[in-house]
Amino acid sequence: MVWIDGIRIEAPTWELAQEIIDNENYHYMVITGQLVKEIPCKKGSFEPDWKNAVDYDKLNQN
């Protein structure tokens, strides 16, 4: 399982998103794509909680 954590940036372009994080002194972060799904873990474990996953790809298509 890959764990990625960080701030969420909403911007109309990847370039603007990078500019926002650079201006906020998060120079170590690099925008490489978009968030398509959030899969939380079950409470007290690292087991995926698929029932409570949020699929942004589907939300954006509706």
C-alpha atoms as a PDB file:
ATOM      1  CA  MET A   1       0.000   0.000   0.000  1.00  0.00           C
ATOM      2  CA  VAL A   2       1.252   3.466  -0.854  1.00  0.00           C
ATOM      3  CA  TRP A   3       0.620   6.223   1.658  1.00  0.00           C
ATOM      4  CA  ILE A   4       0.529   9.757   0.336  1.00  0.00           C
ATOM      5  CA  ASP A   5      -0.414  12.654   2.537  1.00  0.00           C
ATOM      6  CA  GLY A   6      -0.345  16.377   2.081  1.00  0.00           C
ATOM      7  CA  ILE A   7      -2.369  19.504   1.614  1.00  0.00           C
ATOM      8  CA  ARG A   8      -5.135  19.697  -0.980  1.00  0.00           C
ATOM      9  CA  ILE A   9      -4.819  22.331  -3.635  1.00  0.00           C
ATOM     10  CA  GLU A  10      -7.706  23.356  -5.872  1.00  0.00           C
ATOM     11  CA  ALA A  11      -6.587  25.240  -8.963  1.00  0.00           C
ATOM     12  CA  PRO A  12      -7.697  25.397 -12.601  1.00  0.00           C
ATOM     13  CA  THR A  13      -4.240  24.295 -13.860  1.00  0.00           C
ATOM     14  CA  TRP A  14      -1.355  22.203 -12.544  1.00  0.00           C
ATOM     15  CA  GLU A  15       0.966  25.178 -13.075  1.00  0.00           C
ATOM     16  CA  LEU A  16      -1.162  27.405 -10.854  1.00  0.00           C
ATOM     17  CA  ALA A  17      -1.363  24.653  -8.230  1.00  0.00           C
ATOM     18  CA  GLN A  18       2.457  24.451  -8.224  1.00  0.00           C
ATOM     19  CA  GLU A  19       2.688  28.228  -7.885  1.00  0.00           C
ATOM     20  CA  ILE A  20       0.317  28.145  -4.901  1.00  0.00           C
ATOM     21  CA  ILE A  21       2.340  25.526  -3.023  1.00  0.00           C
ATOM     22  CA  ASP A  22       5.604  27.330  -3.863  1.00  0.00           C
ATOM     23  CA  ASN A  23       4.169  30.584  -2.469  1.00  0.00           C
ATOM     24  CA  GLU A  24       3.153  28.738   0.721  1.00  0.00           C
ATOM     25  CA  ASN A  25       6.756  27.488   1.228  1.00  0.00           C
ATOM     26  CA  TYR A  26       5.970  23.884   0.303  1.00  0.00           C
ATOM     27  CA  HIS A  27       8.850  23.841  -2.207  1.00  0.00           C
ATOM     28  CA  TYR A  28       9.465  20.139  -1.530  1.00  0.00           C
ATOM     29  CA  MET A  29       6.067  19.250  -3.030  1.00  0.00           C
ATOM     30  CA  VAL A  30       5.658  18.775  -6.767  1.00  0.00           C
ATOM     31  CA  ILE A  31       2.337  18.562  -8.587  1.00  0.00           C
ATOM     32  CA  THR A  32       2.425  15.381 -10.678  1.00  0.00           C
ATOM     33  CA  GLY A  33      -1.240  14.542 -11.152  1.00  0.00           C
ATOM     34  CA  GLN A  34      -4.678  14.841  -9.718  1.00  0.00           C
ATOM     35  CA  LEU A  35      -6.431  13.142  -6.847  1.00  0.00           C
ATOM     36  CA  VAL A  36      -8.823  10.559  -8.251  1.00  0.00           C
ATOM     37  CA  LYS A  37      -9.785   8.509  -5.205  1.00  0.00           C
ATOM     38  CA  GLU A  38      -9.524   8.599  -1.416  1.00  0.00           C
ATOM     39  CA  ILE A  39      -9.522   5.277   0.387  1.00  0.00           C
ATOM     40  CA  PRO A  40      -9.574   5.660   4.153  1.00  0.00           C
ATOM     41  CA  CYS A  41      -8.341   2.979   6.506  1.00  0.00           C
ATOM     42  CA  LYS A  42     -10.578   1.121   8.904  1.00  0.00           C
ATOM     43  CA  LYS A  43     -10.357   2.602  12.382  1.00  0.00           C
ATOM     44  CA  GLY A  44      -7.264   1.451  14.264  1.00  0.00           C
ATOM     45  CA  SER A  45      -5.708  -0.375  11.301  1.00  0.00           C
ATOM     46  CA  PHE A  46      -4.104   0.072   7.906  1.00  0.00           C
ATOM     47  CA  GLU A  47      -6.759  -2.085   6.242  1.00  0.00           C
ATOM     48  CA  PRO A  48      -8.531  -0.216   3.399  1.00  0.00           C
ATOM     49  CA  ASP A  49     -12.137   0.769   4.079  1.00  0.00           C
ATOM     50  CA  TRP A  50     -13.465   0.342   0.542  1.00  0.00           C
ATOM     51  CA  LYS A  51     -17.060   1.031   1.632  1.00  0.00           C
ATOM     52  CA  ASN A  52     -16.172   4.619   2.532  1.00  0.00           C
ATOM     53  CA  ALA A  53     -13.921   5.350  -0.443  1.00  0.00           C
ATOM     54  CA  VAL A  54     -14.562   8.588  -2.333  1.00  0.00           C
ATOM     55  CA  ASP A  55     -14.154   8.306  -6.114  1.00  0.00           C
ATOM     56  CA  TYR A  56     -13.553  11.830  -7.441  1.00  0.00           C
ATOM     57  CA  ASP A  57     -13.421  10.575 -11.020  1.00  0.00           C
ATOM     58  CA  LYS A  58     -17.058   9.466 -10.804  1.00  0.00           C
ATOM     59  CA  LEU A  59     -18.103  12.612  -8.936  1.00  0.00           C
ATOM     60  CA  ASN A  60     -16.574  14.827 -11.625  1.00  0.00           C
ATOM     61  CA  GLN A  61     -18.365  12.951 -14.425  1.00  0.00           C
ATOM     62  CA  ASN A  62     -21.835  13.566 -12.967  1.00  0.00           C
END
